[in-house]
């Protein structure tokens, strides 16, 4: 349920509403707009359905939210959310670009990649220190050593660091080095991990699961918000279908769907979405035209010798070309 307060509601009116919610064993979250305050009620559905809030002074109306996700919904927060990562904004018309190698291999490789993506206009350095791979024999990452390299490269270039977290027990460790915690596709429904990053208060990038529906994806985000962390960025990275030409099927319709259903910012990963570096450029253009708030792109100074995902990684030169084009498209979208 959401409770919409009247523009003339007083602080006393609001406090009485809050006190009533708490007295029923429920919790709430407030969203303050220019003229109205919206109170989202969270907890047992049966208890919520018994709430009689319309009689309270200052309450304009109440609305039952039909979806299972509440805090994530556009009904609860009509205006777009903007995630502030140390001064770099994601959402609200700001083009966020997260770029870098799939895996941290060495300081030399990482710094070279960081400098080229910075020159190309990226705001974030992405790189994996812990790599959940399909095969146990593939490169698994450098762990804490890789995290230290990411932090150093980020500080040298001024880029914010995005890296994947795969273990509940590693949350505190990764928080020491990263600016954004990435929950990968394989962990989208690792509910204990979602709750843990929700308690961390670090911005979270939540990738869509391998075969997840949009509803499942948004419910996964709800786990994070329900723990008090509202700094969540969604990432469409393709889903598994019967098609084998591409690594995944990049679902750009999900961008429009999420924009309708949720207030959270959404970015697109055309690298994992296609698995082919030749397709990253057109899909990046299409993602921005579809209304995405940003991109996540794999860039490697020497893709031919990459230890992970070289086939879908752009060279620095190709990344620059992509950035030149997506900035033009983003500018054109702003002028509409």
Protein backbone atom coordinates (compact mmCIF):
# COMPACT_ATOMS: atom_id res chain seq x y z
CA UNK A 1 0.00 0.00 0.00
CA UNK A 2 1.06 3.57 -0.61
CA UNK A 3 -0.42 6.46 1.31
CA UNK A 4 -0.50 9.76 -0.53
CA UNK A 5 -0.48 12.73 1.81
CA UNK A 6 -2.31 15.92 0.95
CA UNK A 7 -0.24 18.98 -0.07
CA UNK A 8 -1.63 20.67 3.06
CA UNK A 9 -0.70 17.81 5.42
CA UNK A 10 1.22 18.91 8.50
CA UNK A 11 4.17 17.22 10.19
CA UNK A 12 1.79 16.19 12.95
CA UNK A 13 -0.53 14.55 10.40
CA UNK A 14 2.40 12.64 8.94
CA UNK A 15 3.67 11.54 12.35
CA UNK A 16 0.27 10.10 13.28
CA UNK A 17 0.26 8.09 10.06
CA UNK A 18 3.77 6.82 10.76
CA UNK A 19 2.92 5.93 14.35
CA UNK A 20 -0.12 3.96 13.22
CA UNK A 21 1.94 1.97 10.71
CA UNK A 22 4.58 1.11 13.31
CA UNK A 23 1.94 0.18 15.91
CA UNK A 24 0.65 -2.46 13.48
CA UNK A 25 4.09 -4.10 13.29
CA UNK A 26 4.74 -2.71 9.80
CA UNK A 27 7.50 -0.54 8.38
CA UNK A 28 7.41 2.35 5.94
CA UNK A 29 9.50 4.34 3.51
CA UNK A 30 8.83 7.94 2.55
CA UNK A 31 9.25 9.57 -0.85
CA UNK A 32 9.00 13.35 -0.80
CA UNK A 33 7.99 15.13 -3.99
CA UNK A 34 7.60 18.81 -4.77
CA UNK A 35 4.07 19.02 -3.39
CA UNK A 36 3.24 15.64 -1.86
CA UNK A 37 4.74 13.03 0.42
CA UNK A 38 4.16 9.37 -0.38
CA UNK A 39 4.40 6.78 2.39
CA UNK A 40 5.06 3.22 1.27
CA UNK A 41 3.85 0.59 3.74
CA UNK A 42 5.88 -2.63 3.92
CA UNK A 43 5.12 -5.87 5.75
CA UNK A 44 2.50 -8.59 6.14
CA UNK A 45 -0.12 -8.34 3.37
CA UNK A 46 -3.00 -9.28 5.66
CA UNK A 47 -2.07 -6.61 8.17
CA UNK A 48 -1.65 -4.02 5.44
CA UNK A 49 -5.08 -4.84 3.99
CA UNK A 50 -6.63 -4.15 7.41
CA UNK A 51 -5.15 -0.65 7.60
CA UNK A 52 -7.79 2.07 7.49
CA UNK A 53 -5.79 5.19 6.68
CA UNK A 54 -8.23 7.31 4.70
CA UNK A 55 -9.80 8.67 7.88
CA UNK A 56 -6.51 10.17 9.07
CA UNK A 57 -6.14 13.93 8.73
CA UNK A 58 -3.78 14.84 5.91
CA UNK A 59 -4.27 11.62 3.94
CA UNK A 60 -5.44 12.33 0.41
CA UNK A 61 -5.82 8.73 -0.71
CA UNK A 62 -4.39 5.22 -0.44
CA UNK A 63 -3.41 2.96 -3.34
CA UNK A 64 -2.92 -0.79 -3.24
CA UNK A 65 0.19 -1.87 -5.17
CA UNK A 66 -0.67 -4.95 -7.20
CA UNK A 67 2.89 -6.13 -7.88
CA UNK A 68 4.87 -8.03 -5.27
CA UNK A 69 7.67 -5.49 -5.52
CA UNK A 70 6.76 -2.25 -3.74
CA UNK A 71 9.74 0.05 -3.17
CA UNK A 72 10.99 -0.59 -6.70
CA UNK A 73 7.68 0.29 -8.34
CA UNK A 74 6.85 3.43 -10.27
CA UNK A 75 3.59 3.55 -8.30
CA UNK A 76 5.53 4.09 -5.11
CA UNK A 77 7.97 6.64 -6.55
CA UNK A 78 6.69 8.36 -9.69
CA UNK A 79 9.90 10.30 -10.35
CA UNK A 80 13.07 8.69 -11.70
CA UNK A 81 15.69 7.82 -9.13
CA UNK A 82 19.24 9.08 -9.58
CA UNK A 83 22.07 7.11 -7.97
CA UNK A 84 24.95 9.28 -6.81
CA UNK A 85 28.26 7.42 -6.79
CA UNK A 86 30.71 9.82 -5.22
CA UNK A 87 29.54 12.69 -7.40
CA UNK A 88 28.99 10.65 -10.57
CA UNK A 89 25.27 10.44 -11.31
CA UNK A 90 23.48 7.47 -12.85
CA UNK A 91 20.00 8.23 -14.13
CA UNK A 92 18.15 11.50 -14.58
CA UNK A 93 19.51 12.17 -18.07
CA UNK A 94 23.14 11.51 -17.16
CA UNK A 95 25.00 9.12 -19.46
CA UNK A 96 26.88 6.64 -17.28
CA UNK A 97 29.48 4.44 -18.97
CA UNK A 98 31.18 1.58 -17.14
CA UNK A 99 34.06 0.16 -19.14
CA UNK A 100 37.14 -1.99 -18.74
CA UNK A 101 38.35 -5.57 -18.99
CA UNK A 102 36.24 -8.56 -18.07
CA UNK A 103 38.94 -9.69 -15.64
CA UNK A 104 41.81 -7.98 -13.87
CA UNK A 105 44.92 -9.74 -15.17
CA UNK A 106 47.79 -7.44 -14.16
CA UNK A 107 48.40 -3.88 -13.03
CA UNK A 108 49.86 -3.01 -16.41
CA UNK A 109 46.86 -4.37 -18.30
CA UNK A 110 44.35 -2.73 -15.97
CA UNK A 111 45.99 0.69 -15.95
CA UNK A 112 46.29 0.71 -19.74
CA UNK A 113 42.59 -0.16 -20.01
CA UNK A 114 41.61 2.42 -17.38
CA UNK A 115 43.48 5.21 -19.13
CA UNK A 116 41.91 4.43 -22.50
CA UNK A 117 38.33 4.20 -21.21
CA UNK A 118 38.85 7.43 -19.25
CA UNK A 119 40.07 9.13 -22.44
CA UNK A 120 37.02 7.78 -24.26
CA UNK A 121 34.62 9.36 -21.77
CA UNK A 122 33.80 6.54 -19.35
CA UNK A 123 32.85 7.45 -15.76
CA UNK A 124 33.50 4.03 -14.23
CA UNK A 125 36.19 1.37 -14.44
CA UNK A 126 34.74 -2.13 -14.52
CA UNK A 127 36.79 -5.24 -13.93
CA UNK A 128 36.42 -8.61 -12.27
CA UNK A 129 38.56 -9.65 -9.33
CA UNK A 130 36.35 -12.67 -8.59
CA UNK A 131 35.21 -14.42 -11.76
CA UNK A 132 32.32 -16.93 -11.54
CA UNK A 133 33.07 -19.03 -14.64
CA UNK A 134 31.08 -21.79 -16.27
CA UNK A 135 34.12 -24.09 -16.18
CA UNK A 136 36.16 -24.57 -12.99
CA UNK A 137 39.29 -24.66 -15.17
CA UNK A 138 38.85 -21.14 -16.55
CA UNK A 139 40.62 -18.12 -15.03
CA UNK A 140 38.90 -17.33 -11.72
CA UNK A 141 40.35 -13.89 -11.01
CA UNK A 142 43.01 -12.45 -8.70
CA UNK A 143 40.73 -11.97 -5.67
CA UNK A 144 41.92 -9.32 -3.19
CA UNK A 145 45.04 -8.61 -5.22
CA UNK A 146 42.75 -7.71 -8.12
CA UNK A 147 40.63 -5.50 -5.87
CA UNK A 148 43.72 -3.57 -4.80
CA UNK A 149 44.68 -3.06 -8.43
CA UNK A 150 41.19 -1.78 -9.27
CA UNK A 151 41.29 0.72 -6.44
CA UNK A 152 44.74 1.95 -7.44
CA UNK A 153 43.77 2.28 -11.12
CA UNK A 154 40.57 4.09 -10.14
CA UNK A 155 42.45 6.56 -7.97
CA UNK A 156 45.06 7.23 -10.66
CA UNK A 157 42.45 7.92 -13.36
CA UNK A 158 39.64 9.41 -11.27
CA UNK A 159 37.24 6.65 -12.34
CA UNK A 160 34.78 5.04 -9.94
CA UNK A 161 35.26 1.29 -9.56
CA UNK A 162 32.60 -1.33 -10.33
CA UNK A 163 33.37 -4.96 -9.54
CA UNK A 164 31.41 -8.14 -9.00
CA UNK A 165 30.73 -9.68 -5.61
CA UNK A 166 29.99 -13.41 -5.51
CA UNK A 167 30.08 -14.33 -1.83
CA UNK A 168 28.14 -13.04 1.19
CA UNK A 169 31.28 -13.39 3.28
CA UNK A 170 33.22 -11.07 0.94
CA UNK A 171 30.90 -8.04 1.23
CA UNK A 172 33.07 -6.15 3.71
CA UNK A 173 36.20 -6.95 1.73
CA UNK A 174 34.84 -5.73 -1.60
CA UNK A 175 33.34 -2.63 0.03
CA UNK A 176 36.87 -1.57 1.03
CA UNK A 177 37.93 -1.25 -2.60
CA UNK A 178 34.84 -0.75 -4.80
CA UNK A 179 32.49 2.19 -5.33
CA UNK A 180 29.72 0.00 -6.79
CA UNK A 181 28.98 -3.63 -5.94
CA UNK A 182 27.96 -5.66 -8.98
CA UNK A 183 25.64 -8.62 -8.48
CA UNK A 184 26.07 -10.74 -11.57
CA UNK A 185 23.50 -12.65 -13.59
CA UNK A 186 24.29 -15.95 -11.87
CA UNK A 187 23.64 -14.39 -8.46
CA UNK A 188 20.54 -12.35 -9.28
CA UNK A 189 18.44 -14.66 -7.10
CA UNK A 190 21.07 -15.31 -4.45
CA UNK A 191 18.75 -13.80 -1.86
CA UNK A 192 21.19 -13.87 1.03
CA UNK A 193 23.72 -11.96 -1.09
CA UNK A 194 21.03 -9.47 -2.13
CA UNK A 195 20.14 -8.83 1.51
CA UNK A 196 23.80 -8.47 2.42
CA UNK A 197 24.53 -5.83 -0.23
CA UNK A 198 21.28 -4.15 0.80
CA UNK A 199 22.67 -3.73 4.30
CA UNK A 200 26.00 -2.45 2.98
CA UNK A 201 24.60 0.90 1.76
CA UNK A 202 27.05 0.81 -1.17
CA UNK A 203 25.51 1.47 -4.60
CA UNK A 204 24.58 -1.83 -6.23
CA UNK A 205 24.52 -2.78 -9.91
CA UNK A 206 22.05 -5.66 -10.33
CA UNK A 207 22.34 -7.63 -13.55
CA UNK A 208 19.37 -9.50 -14.97
CA UNK A 209 19.53 -13.27 -14.53
CA UNK A 210 20.29 -15.67 -17.37
CA UNK A 211 16.62 -16.52 -17.92
CA UNK A 212 14.90 -14.12 -15.52
CA UNK A 213 11.61 -12.44 -16.26
CA UNK A 214 11.37 -8.70 -15.72
CA UNK A 215 9.18 -9.30 -12.67
CA UNK A 216 11.77 -11.66 -11.16
CA UNK A 217 14.49 -9.09 -11.83
CA UNK A 218 12.55 -6.29 -10.14
CA UNK A 219 11.70 -8.53 -7.18
CA UNK A 220 15.42 -9.23 -6.79
CA UNK A 221 15.98 -5.47 -6.62
CA UNK A 222 13.23 -5.28 -4.01
CA UNK A 223 15.34 -7.49 -1.72
CA UNK A 224 18.08 -4.86 -1.79
CA UNK A 225 15.76 -1.90 -1.25
CA UNK A 226 13.88 -3.68 1.53
CA UNK A 227 17.14 -3.73 3.52
CA UNK A 228 17.34 0.07 3.30
CA UNK A 229 19.66 0.48 0.31
CA UNK A 230 17.90 2.53 -2.38
CA UNK A 231 21.01 3.06 -4.52
CA UNK A 232 20.30 0.35 -7.06
CA UNK A 233 21.13 0.37 -10.77
CA UNK A 234 19.61 -2.30 -13.02
CA UNK A 235 21.58 -3.81 -15.90
CA UNK A 236 20.08 -5.63 -18.88
CA UNK A 237 22.75 -8.06 -20.16
CA UNK A 238 20.82 -10.39 -22.39
CA UNK A 239 18.83 -13.52 -21.63
CA UNK A 240 19.15 -17.13 -22.75
CA UNK A 241 16.96 -18.09 -25.71
CA UNK A 242 17.08 -20.71 -28.48
CA UNK A 243 19.38 -18.45 -30.56
CA UNK A 244 22.99 -19.64 -30.80
CA UNK A 245 24.58 -17.06 -33.09
CA UNK A 246 24.92 -14.65 -30.17
CA UNK A 247 26.01 -15.42 -26.62
CA UNK A 248 22.65 -14.17 -25.31
CA UNK A 249 19.63 -12.38 -26.73
CA UNK A 250 19.89 -8.72 -25.77
CA UNK A 251 16.39 -7.68 -24.68
CA UNK A 252 16.24 -3.94 -25.31
CA UNK A 253 12.48 -4.01 -24.81
CA UNK A 254 13.33 -4.57 -21.14
CA UNK A 255 14.65 -1.00 -20.97
CA UNK A 256 11.26 0.42 -21.95
CA UNK A 257 9.46 -2.03 -19.67
CA UNK A 258 11.58 -1.18 -16.63
CA UNK A 259 11.16 2.54 -17.28
CA UNK A 260 7.39 2.01 -17.16
CA UNK A 261 7.34 -0.27 -14.12
CA UNK A 262 10.13 1.14 -11.97
CA UNK A 263 11.86 4.38 -11.02
CA UNK A 264 15.31 2.76 -10.87
CA UNK A 265 17.94 3.65 -13.49
CA UNK A 266 18.73 0.95 -16.03
CA UNK A 267 21.87 0.47 -18.11
CA UNK A 268 22.68 -2.06 -20.86
CA UNK A 269 25.62 -4.44 -21.30
CA UNK A 270 25.92 -5.12 -25.06
CA UNK A 271 29.16 -7.06 -24.54
CA UNK A 272 27.57 -9.94 -22.62
CA UNK A 273 24.30 -9.34 -24.45
CA UNK A 274 25.84 -10.38 -27.77
CA UNK A 275 29.21 -12.01 -27.03
CA UNK A 276 30.57 -10.57 -30.28
CA UNK A 277 32.64 -7.40 -30.34
CA UNK A 278 31.33 -6.53 -33.83
CA UNK A 279 27.81 -6.25 -32.43
CA UNK A 280 28.64 -4.13 -29.39
CA UNK A 281 28.68 -0.88 -31.35
CA UNK A 282 25.20 -1.14 -32.97
CA UNK A 283 23.63 -2.51 -29.78
CA UNK A 284 25.17 0.28 -27.69
CA UNK A 285 23.65 2.82 -30.05
CA UNK A 286 20.28 1.09 -29.89
CA UNK A 287 20.38 0.91 -26.08
CA UNK A 288 20.80 4.66 -25.69
CA UNK A 289 18.11 5.31 -28.31
CA UNK A 290 15.80 3.00 -26.32
CA UNK A 291 16.23 5.20 -23.24
CA UNK A 292 18.94 3.40 -21.26
CA UNK A 293 20.72 5.49 -18.65
CA UNK A 294 24.11 4.12 -19.57
CA UNK A 295 26.25 1.26 -20.82
CA UNK A 296 28.61 -1.39 -19.49
CA UNK A 297 31.22 -2.29 -22.11
CA UNK A 298 34.16 -4.66 -21.98
CA UNK A 299 37.37 -3.05 -23.21
CA UNK A 300 40.78 -4.71 -23.32
CA UNK A 301 44.01 -3.16 -24.63
CA UNK A 302 44.80 -6.51 -26.32
CA UNK A 303 41.63 -8.61 -26.70
CA UNK A 304 43.47 -11.32 -28.61
CA UNK A 305 45.35 -12.36 -25.46
CA UNK A 306 42.62 -11.65 -22.87
CA UNK A 307 42.20 -14.32 -20.21
CA UNK A 308 38.41 -13.82 -20.24
CA UNK A 309 35.87 -12.77 -22.88
CA UNK A 310 38.32 -11.49 -25.49
CA UNK A 311 35.78 -12.22 -28.26
CA UNK A 312 33.40 -9.60 -26.94
CA UNK A 313 35.94 -6.99 -25.82
CA UNK A 314 36.55 -3.79 -27.74
CA UNK A 315 39.96 -2.36 -28.50
CA UNK A 316 40.59 1.20 -27.26
CA UNK A 317 40.08 2.49 -30.81
CA UNK A 318 36.73 0.75 -31.23
CA UNK A 319 35.61 1.93 -27.80
CA UNK A 320 36.35 5.53 -28.78
CA UNK A 321 34.22 5.14 -31.91
CA UNK A 322 31.32 3.76 -29.86
CA UNK A 323 31.56 6.62 -27.38
CA UNK A 324 31.58 9.25 -30.13
CA UNK A 325 28.36 7.82 -31.51
CA UNK A 326 26.45 7.20 -28.27
CA UNK A 327 27.17 10.73 -27.06
CA UNK A 328 25.61 12.07 -30.25
CA UNK A 329 22.56 9.86 -29.77
CA UNK A 330 22.24 10.86 -26.10
CA UNK A 331 22.38 14.53 -27.07
CA UNK A 332 19.73 14.00 -29.74
CA UNK A 333 17.50 12.26 -27.20
CA UNK A 334 17.84 15.22 -24.81
CA UNK A 335 16.67 17.65 -27.49
CA UNK A 336 13.39 15.79 -28.06
